[in-house]
């Protein structure tokens, strides 16, 4: 999916913005002229470097790269965690070459569960909490102040005025690898069923927005 969205730019200089320990980044290495990861958490960045990957430790709002340095940027479920998502988007646009592409995944507010847990009465509760994202935003953000969630109009506002255009957009369900690891048959059936919904209007209830953007 990501390689197809890249439209051939994977053979150039690639940045994964928020690479974690490098599981996605290492997939780019055989194709890219150069594949670089950026990760704000030092321990994760160090773990990725130990895997032989080129990774820098820095914040998404202050990318340590020159203008128009990359042909392809992957931002996979990262913007919801940064301090300033608009600034992070501006920075990714800045370092993207003309005609380069940004492949973006962010959480969908239409998904029935908040996957990052919530805070309730001063305590953090881990897990997939149902219906939180359907609350009025003010209430939702009090329960989950540590993570953003996006509607389409939020993303449109995020790129407004930037030299970048929308190539494609959809909403997708997840891979559900954790469920498959515990219950292989049930997990695969669930994944197949939900991913088939991506071709129907019910995709609005999917896990993530999946946008492909191109620098103009």
C-alpha atoms as a PDB file:
ATOM      1  CA  UNK A   1       0.000   0.000   0.000  1.00  0.00           C
ATOM      2  CA  UNK A   2       2.729   2.469   0.999  1.00  0.00           C
ATOM      3  CA  UNK A   3       5.001   1.563  -1.905  1.00  0.00           C
ATOM      4  CA  UNK A   4       2.122   1.966  -4.347  1.00  0.00           C
ATOM      5  CA  UNK A   5       1.244   5.348  -2.844  1.00  0.00           C
ATOM      6  CA  UNK A   6       4.866   6.450  -3.252  1.00  0.00           C
ATOM      7  CA  UNK A   7       4.441   6.371  -7.022  1.00  0.00           C
ATOM      8  CA  UNK A   8       8.046   5.444  -7.794  1.00  0.00           C
ATOM      9  CA  UNK A   9       9.598   7.966  -5.391  1.00  0.00           C
ATOM     10  CA  UNK A  10      10.741   5.183  -3.096  1.00  0.00           C
ATOM     11  CA  UNK A  11      13.848   4.894  -5.260  1.00  0.00           C
ATOM     12  CA  UNK A  12      15.019   8.345  -4.182  1.00  0.00           C
ATOM     13  CA  UNK A  13      15.799   9.799  -0.770  1.00  0.00           C
ATOM     14  CA  UNK A  14      13.277   8.634   1.836  1.00  0.00           C
ATOM     15  CA  UNK A  15      12.441   9.908   5.320  1.00  0.00           C
ATOM     16  CA  UNK A  16      10.319   8.117   7.881  1.00  0.00           C
ATOM     17  CA  UNK A  17       9.226  10.832  10.286  1.00  0.00           C
ATOM     18  CA  UNK A  18       8.649   9.067  13.598  1.00  0.00           C
ATOM     19  CA  UNK A  19      10.259   5.723  12.817  1.00  0.00           C
ATOM     20  CA  UNK A  20      10.192   4.063  16.247  1.00  0.00           C
ATOM     21  CA  UNK A  21      12.570   1.106  16.204  1.00  0.00           C
ATOM     22  CA  UNK A  22      12.629   1.102  12.404  1.00  0.00           C
ATOM     23  CA  UNK A  23      10.240  -1.670  11.361  1.00  0.00           C
ATOM     24  CA  UNK A  24       8.878   0.338   8.428  1.00  0.00           C
ATOM     25  CA  UNK A  25      12.156   2.093   7.713  1.00  0.00           C
ATOM     26  CA  UNK A  26      14.021  -1.141   7.068  1.00  0.00           C
ATOM     27  CA  UNK A  27      11.481  -2.011   4.363  1.00  0.00           C
ATOM     28  CA  UNK A  28      12.571   1.063   2.401  1.00  0.00           C
ATOM     29  CA  UNK A  29      16.299   0.321   2.556  1.00  0.00           C
ATOM     30  CA  UNK A  30      16.439  -2.173  -0.376  1.00  0.00           C
ATOM     31  CA  UNK A  31      14.652   0.295  -2.666  1.00  0.00           C
ATOM     32  CA  UNK A  32      15.826   3.742  -1.643  1.00  0.00           C
ATOM     33  CA  UNK A  33      18.867   5.662  -2.680  1.00  0.00           C
ATOM     34  CA  UNK A  34      19.031   6.615   0.990  1.00  0.00           C
ATOM     35  CA  UNK A  35      16.564   5.897   3.794  1.00  0.00           C
ATOM     36  CA  UNK A  36      16.671   8.006   6.946  1.00  0.00           C
ATOM     37  CA  UNK A  37      14.559   7.752  10.076  1.00  0.00           C
ATOM     38  CA  UNK A  38      13.699  10.419  12.611  1.00  0.00           C
ATOM     39  CA  UNK A  39      12.587   9.530  16.138  1.00  0.00           C
ATOM     40  CA  UNK A  40      12.147  11.791  19.176  1.00  0.00           C
ATOM     41  CA  UNK A  41      12.499   8.986  21.740  1.00  0.00           C
ATOM     42  CA  UNK A  42      16.193   8.324  22.308  1.00  0.00           C
ATOM     43  CA  UNK A  43      15.808   4.679  23.374  1.00  0.00           C
ATOM     44  CA  UNK A  44      13.800   3.822  20.258  1.00  0.00           C
ATOM     45  CA  UNK A  45      16.183   5.741  18.027  1.00  0.00           C
ATOM     46  CA  UNK A  46      19.106   3.852  19.576  1.00  0.00           C
ATOM     47  CA  UNK A  47      17.330   0.518  19.082  1.00  0.00           C
ATOM     48  CA  UNK A  48      16.783   1.378  15.401  1.00  0.00           C
ATOM     49  CA  UNK A  49      20.449   2.349  14.969  1.00  0.00           C
ATOM     50  CA  UNK A  50      21.474  -0.991  16.479  1.00  0.00           C
ATOM     51  CA  UNK A  51      19.511  -2.631  13.673  1.00  0.00           C
ATOM     52  CA  UNK A  52      21.882  -0.937  11.229  1.00  0.00           C
ATOM     53  CA  UNK A  53      19.500   1.860  10.230  1.00  0.00           C
ATOM     54  CA  UNK A  54      20.320   5.536   9.772  1.00  0.00           C
ATOM     55  CA  UNK A  55      18.243   7.307  12.408  1.00  0.00           C
ATOM     56  CA  UNK A  56      18.431  10.773  13.953  1.00  0.00           C
ATOM     57  CA  UNK A  57      16.898  11.785  17.272  1.00  0.00           C
ATOM     58  CA  UNK A  58      14.936  15.018  16.830  1.00  0.00           C
ATOM     59  CA  UNK A  59      11.450  16.529  17.008  1.00  0.00           C
ATOM     60  CA  UNK A  60       9.064  16.549  14.058  1.00  0.00           C
ATOM     61  CA  UNK A  61       8.519  20.292  14.468  1.00  0.00           C
ATOM     62  CA  UNK A  62      12.217  20.988  13.843  1.00  0.00           C
ATOM     63  CA  UNK A  63      13.487  18.627  11.149  1.00  0.00           C
ATOM     64  CA  UNK A  64      17.296  18.770  10.902  1.00  0.00           C
ATOM     65  CA  UNK A  65      17.331  18.704   7.093  1.00  0.00           C
ATOM     66  CA  UNK A  66      17.712  21.230   4.309  1.00  0.00           C
ATOM     67  CA  UNK A  67      14.821  22.425   2.145  1.00  0.00           C
ATOM     68  CA  UNK A  68      13.542  19.963  -0.476  1.00  0.00           C
ATOM     69  CA  UNK A  69      15.822  17.160   0.717  1.00  0.00           C
ATOM     70  CA  UNK A  70      13.483  14.161   0.250  1.00  0.00           C
ATOM     71  CA  UNK A  71      11.547  12.468  -2.528  1.00  0.00           C
ATOM     72  CA  UNK A  72       9.288  10.567  -0.135  1.00  0.00           C
ATOM     73  CA  UNK A  73       8.200  11.018   3.479  1.00  0.00           C
ATOM     74  CA  UNK A  74       6.246   8.516   5.537  1.00  0.00           C
ATOM     75  CA  UNK A  75       4.413   9.786   8.626  1.00  0.00           C
ATOM     76  CA  UNK A  76       2.642   6.801  10.156  1.00  0.00           C
ATOM     77  CA  UNK A  77       0.456   7.608  13.183  1.00  0.00           C
ATOM     78  CA  UNK A  78       2.805  10.363  14.375  1.00  0.00           C
ATOM     79  CA  UNK A  79       1.075  13.746  14.020  1.00  0.00           C
ATOM     80  CA  UNK A  80      -1.408  12.923  16.761  1.00  0.00           C
ATOM     81  CA  UNK A  81       1.460  12.802  19.275  1.00  0.00           C
ATOM     82  CA  UNK A  82       3.526  15.902  18.426  1.00  0.00           C
ATOM     83  CA  UNK A  83       3.268  19.188  20.308  1.00  0.00           C
ATOM     84  CA  UNK A  84       2.258  21.190  17.233  1.00  0.00           C
ATOM     85  CA  UNK A  85       0.848  19.222  14.314  1.00  0.00           C
ATOM     86  CA  UNK A  86       0.594  22.234  11.990  1.00  0.00           C
ATOM     87  CA  UNK A  87       4.269  23.048  12.534  1.00  0.00           C
ATOM     88  CA  UNK A  88       5.189  19.406  11.935  1.00  0.00           C
ATOM     89  CA  UNK A  89       3.219  19.462   8.678  1.00  0.00           C
ATOM     90  CA  UNK A  90       4.954  22.669   7.605  1.00  0.00           C
ATOM     91  CA  UNK A  91       8.327  21.075   8.270  1.00  0.00           C
ATOM     92  CA  UNK A  92       7.526  17.951   6.261  1.00  0.00           C
ATOM     93  CA  UNK A  93       6.363  20.125   3.380  1.00  0.00           C
ATOM     94  CA  UNK A  94       9.546  22.201   3.596  1.00  0.00           C
ATOM     95  CA  UNK A  95      11.902  19.229   3.297  1.00  0.00           C
ATOM     96  CA  UNK A  96       9.892  17.573   0.502  1.00  0.00           C
ATOM     97  CA  UNK A  97      11.114  18.098  -3.053  1.00  0.00           C
ATOM     98  CA  UNK A  98       8.852  19.481  -5.743  1.00  0.00           C
ATOM     99  CA  UNK A  99       6.865  16.499  -6.974  1.00  0.00           C
ATOM    100  CA  UNK A 100       7.822  14.522  -3.876  1.00  0.00           C
ATOM    101  CA  UNK A 101       5.152  12.708  -1.889  1.00  0.00           C
ATOM    102  CA  UNK A 102       4.074  12.548   1.732  1.00  0.00           C
ATOM    103  CA  UNK A 103       2.279   9.361   2.793  1.00  0.00           C
ATOM    104  CA  UNK A 104       0.282  10.206   5.889  1.00  0.00           C
ATOM    105  CA  UNK A 105      -1.634   8.094   8.414  1.00  0.00           C
ATOM    106  CA  UNK A 106      -3.488   9.654  11.373  1.00  0.00           C
ATOM    107  CA  UNK A 107      -6.259   8.371  13.699  1.00  0.00           C
ATOM    108  CA  UNK A 108      -9.821   8.704  12.462  1.00  0.00           C
ATOM    109  CA  UNK A 109     -12.326  10.259  14.840  1.00  0.00           C
ATOM    110  CA  UNK A 110     -15.007   8.030  13.356  1.00  0.00           C
ATOM    111  CA  UNK A 111     -13.353   4.876  14.740  1.00  0.00           C
ATOM    112  CA  UNK A 112     -15.506   3.486  17.585  1.00  0.00           C
ATOM    113  CA  UNK A 113     -12.543   3.055  19.975  1.00  0.00           C
ATOM    114  CA  UNK A 114      -9.867   5.327  21.390  1.00  0.00           C
ATOM    115  CA  UNK A 115      -6.836   3.086  20.999  1.00  0.00           C
ATOM    116  CA  UNK A 116      -4.445   5.126  23.164  1.00  0.00           C
ATOM    117  CA  UNK A 117      -6.304   4.755  26.455  1.00  0.00           C
ATOM    118  CA  UNK A 118      -7.766   7.563  28.556  1.00  0.00           C
ATOM    119  CA  UNK A 119      -7.256   9.470  31.788  1.00  0.00           C
ATOM    120  CA  UNK A 120     -10.056   9.163  34.325  1.00  0.00           C
ATOM    121  CA  UNK A 121      -9.978  10.694  37.807  1.00  0.00           C
ATOM    122  CA  UNK A 122      -6.270  11.330  37.583  1.00  0.00           C
ATOM    123  CA  UNK A 123      -5.345   7.799  36.517  1.00  0.00           C
ATOM    124  CA  UNK A 124      -4.375   6.486  33.100  1.00  0.00           C
ATOM    125  CA  UNK A 125      -6.411   3.540  31.806  1.00  0.00           C
ATOM    126  CA  UNK A 126      -4.743   1.556  29.042  1.00  0.00           C
ATOM    127  CA  UNK A 127      -6.684  -0.120  26.251  1.00  0.00           C
ATOM    128  CA  UNK A 128      -9.246   0.388  23.524  1.00  0.00           C
ATOM    129  CA  UNK A 129     -11.937   2.541  25.110  1.00  0.00           C
ATOM    130  CA  UNK A 130     -15.265   2.576  23.244  1.00  0.00           C
ATOM    131  CA  UNK A 131     -17.136   5.670  22.055  1.00  0.00           C
ATOM    132  CA  UNK A 132     -14.731   8.247  23.513  1.00  0.00           C
ATOM    133  CA  UNK A 133     -14.107   9.808  20.108  1.00  0.00           C
ATOM    134  CA  UNK A 134     -17.840  10.357  19.604  1.00  0.00           C
ATOM    135  CA  UNK A 135     -18.086  12.703  22.558  1.00  0.00           C
ATOM    136  CA  UNK A 136     -18.037  16.482  22.030  1.00  0.00           C
ATOM    137  CA  UNK A 137     -14.435  17.377  21.340  1.00  0.00           C
ATOM    138  CA  UNK A 138     -14.043  19.338  24.590  1.00  0.00           C
ATOM    139  CA  UNK A 139     -15.039  16.301  26.638  1.00  0.00           C
ATOM    140  CA  UNK A 140     -13.101  13.892  24.457  1.00  0.00           C
ATOM    141  CA  UNK A 141      -9.910  15.931  24.842  1.00  0.00           C
ATOM    142  CA  UNK A 142     -10.260  15.944  28.628  1.00  0.00           C
ATOM    143  CA  UNK A 143     -10.302  12.132  28.606  1.00  0.00           C
ATOM    144  CA  UNK A 144      -7.518  11.806  26.033  1.00  0.00           C
ATOM    145  CA  UNK A 145      -5.365  14.938  26.258  1.00  0.00           C
ATOM    146  CA  UNK A 146      -2.264  12.999  25.238  1.00  0.00           C
ATOM    147  CA  UNK A 147      -3.366  12.211  21.680  1.00  0.00           C
ATOM    148  CA  UNK A 148      -5.243  13.933  18.856  1.00  0.00           C
ATOM    149  CA  UNK A 149      -7.897  12.462  16.625  1.00  0.00           C
ATOM    150  CA  UNK A 150      -8.838  13.770  13.189  1.00  0.00           C
ATOM    151  CA  UNK A 151     -11.825  14.373  10.993  1.00  0.00           C
ATOM    152  CA  UNK A 152     -11.342  15.097   7.294  1.00  0.00           C
ATOM    153  CA  UNK A 153     -11.890  18.802   7.865  1.00  0.00           C
ATOM    154  CA  UNK A 154      -9.098  18.787  10.475  1.00  0.00           C
ATOM    155  CA  UNK A 155      -6.660  17.473   7.883  1.00  0.00           C
ATOM    156  CA  UNK A 156      -7.864  19.935   5.276  1.00  0.00           C
ATOM    157  CA  UNK A 157      -7.192  22.752   7.728  1.00  0.00           C
ATOM    158  CA  UNK A 158      -3.802  21.258   8.554  1.00  0.00           C
ATOM    159  CA  UNK A 159      -2.575  21.575   4.957  1.00  0.00           C
ATOM    160  CA  UNK A 160      -4.391  24.815   4.140  1.00  0.00           C
ATOM    161  CA  UNK A 161      -2.083  27.354   2.506  1.00  0.00           C
ATOM    162  CA  UNK A 162       0.843  24.951   2.161  1.00  0.00           C
ATOM    163  CA  UNK A 163       2.490  24.192  -1.221  1.00  0.00           C
ATOM    164  CA  UNK A 164       1.117  20.680  -1.218  1.00  0.00           C
ATOM    165  CA  UNK A 165      -1.825  19.020  -2.969  1.00  0.00           C
ATOM    166  CA  UNK A 166      -3.974  16.032  -2.147  1.00  0.00           C
ATOM    167  CA  UNK A 167      -3.387  13.079  -4.492  1.00  0.00           C
ATOM    168  CA  UNK A 168      -5.696  10.580  -2.785  1.00  0.00           C
ATOM    169  CA  UNK A 169      -7.492  10.057   0.500  1.00  0.00           C
ATOM    170  CA  UNK A 170      -9.411   7.269   2.155  1.00  0.00           C
ATOM    171  CA  UNK A 171     -10.043   5.690   5.548  1.00  0.00           C
ATOM    172  CA  UNK A 172      -8.638   2.267   6.358  1.00  0.00           C
ATOM    173  CA  UNK A 173      -8.997  -0.372   9.042  1.00  0.00           C
ATOM    174  CA  UNK A 174      -5.997  -1.826  10.838  1.00  0.00           C
ATOM    175  CA  UNK A 175      -3.963  -5.001  10.380  1.00  0.00           C
ATOM    176  CA  UNK A 176      -5.006  -6.339  13.814  1.00  0.00           C
ATOM    177  CA  UNK A 177      -1.743  -8.246  14.209  1.00  0.00           C
ATOM    178  CA  UNK A 178      -2.117  -8.477  17.998  1.00  0.00           C
ATOM    179  CA  UNK A 179      -5.467 -10.234  17.669  1.00  0.00           C
ATOM    180  CA  UNK A 180      -4.096 -12.529  14.964  1.00  0.00           C
ATOM    181  CA  UNK A 181      -1.147 -13.451  17.198  1.00  0.00           C
ATOM    182  CA  UNK A 182      -3.538 -14.576  19.952  1.00  0.00           C
ATOM    183  CA  UNK A 183      -6.400 -15.947  17.851  1.00  0.00           C
ATOM    184  CA  UNK A 184      -5.047 -16.666  14.335  1.00  0.00           C
ATOM    185  CA  UNK A 185      -8.211 -17.904  12.608  1.00  0.00           C
ATOM    186  CA  UNK A 186     -10.574 -15.412  14.229  1.00  0.00           C
ATOM    187  CA  UNK A 187      -8.092 -12.567  13.791  1.00  0.00           C
ATOM    188  CA  UNK A 188      -7.571 -13.191  10.071  1.00  0.00           C
ATOM    189  CA  UNK A 189     -11.318 -13.467   9.517  1.00  0.00           C
ATOM    190  CA  UNK A 190     -11.860 -10.176  11.335  1.00  0.00           C
ATOM    191  CA  UNK A 191      -9.141  -8.442   9.339  1.00  0.00           C
ATOM    192  CA  UNK A 192     -10.543  -9.727   6.054  1.00  0.00           C
ATOM    193  CA  UNK A 193     -14.062  -8.627   6.965  1.00  0.00           C
ATOM    194  CA  UNK A 194     -13.050  -5.140   8.099  1.00  0.00           C
ATOM    195  CA  UNK A 195     -10.688  -4.506   5.200  1.00  0.00           C
ATOM    196  CA  UNK A 196     -13.476  -5.421   2.792  1.00  0.00           C
ATOM    197  CA  UNK A 197     -15.472  -2.607   4.390  1.00  0.00           C
ATOM    198  CA  UNK A 198     -12.856  -0.182   3.075  1.00  0.00           C
ATOM    199  CA  UNK A 199     -14.574  -0.488  -0.312  1.00  0.00           C
ATOM    200  CA  UNK A 200     -17.921   0.567   1.156  1.00  0.00           C
ATOM    201  CA  UNK A 201     -19.305   3.732   2.831  1.00  0.00           C
ATOM    202  CA  UNK A 202     -18.653   1.990   6.164  1.00  0.00           C
ATOM    203  CA  UNK A 203     -14.981   2.834   5.765  1.00  0.00           C
ATOM    204  CA  UNK A 204     -15.909   6.054   7.607  1.00  0.00           C
ATOM    205  CA  UNK A 205     -15.645   3.935  10.767  1.00  0.00           C
ATOM    206  CA  UNK A 206     -12.076   2.871   9.919  1.00  0.00           C
ATOM    207  CA  UNK A 207      -9.066   3.177  12.164  1.00  0.00           C
ATOM    208  CA  UNK A 208      -7.000   5.721  10.229  1.00  0.00           C
ATOM    209  CA  UNK A 209      -7.078   8.384   7.574  1.00  0.00           C
ATOM    210  CA  UNK A 210      -4.695   7.457   4.755  1.00  0.00           C
ATOM    211  CA  UNK A 211      -3.695  10.469   2.674  1.00  0.00           C
ATOM    212  CA  UNK A 212      -1.172  10.830  -0.129  1.00  0.00           C
ATOM    213  CA  UNK A 213       0.047  14.384  -0.670  1.00  0.00           C
ATOM    214  CA  UNK A 214       2.404  15.855  -3.261  1.00  0.00           C
ATOM    215  CA  UNK A 215       4.627  18.929  -3.056  1.00  0.00           C
ATOM    216  CA  UNK A 216       3.734  21.502  -5.708  1.00  0.00           C
END
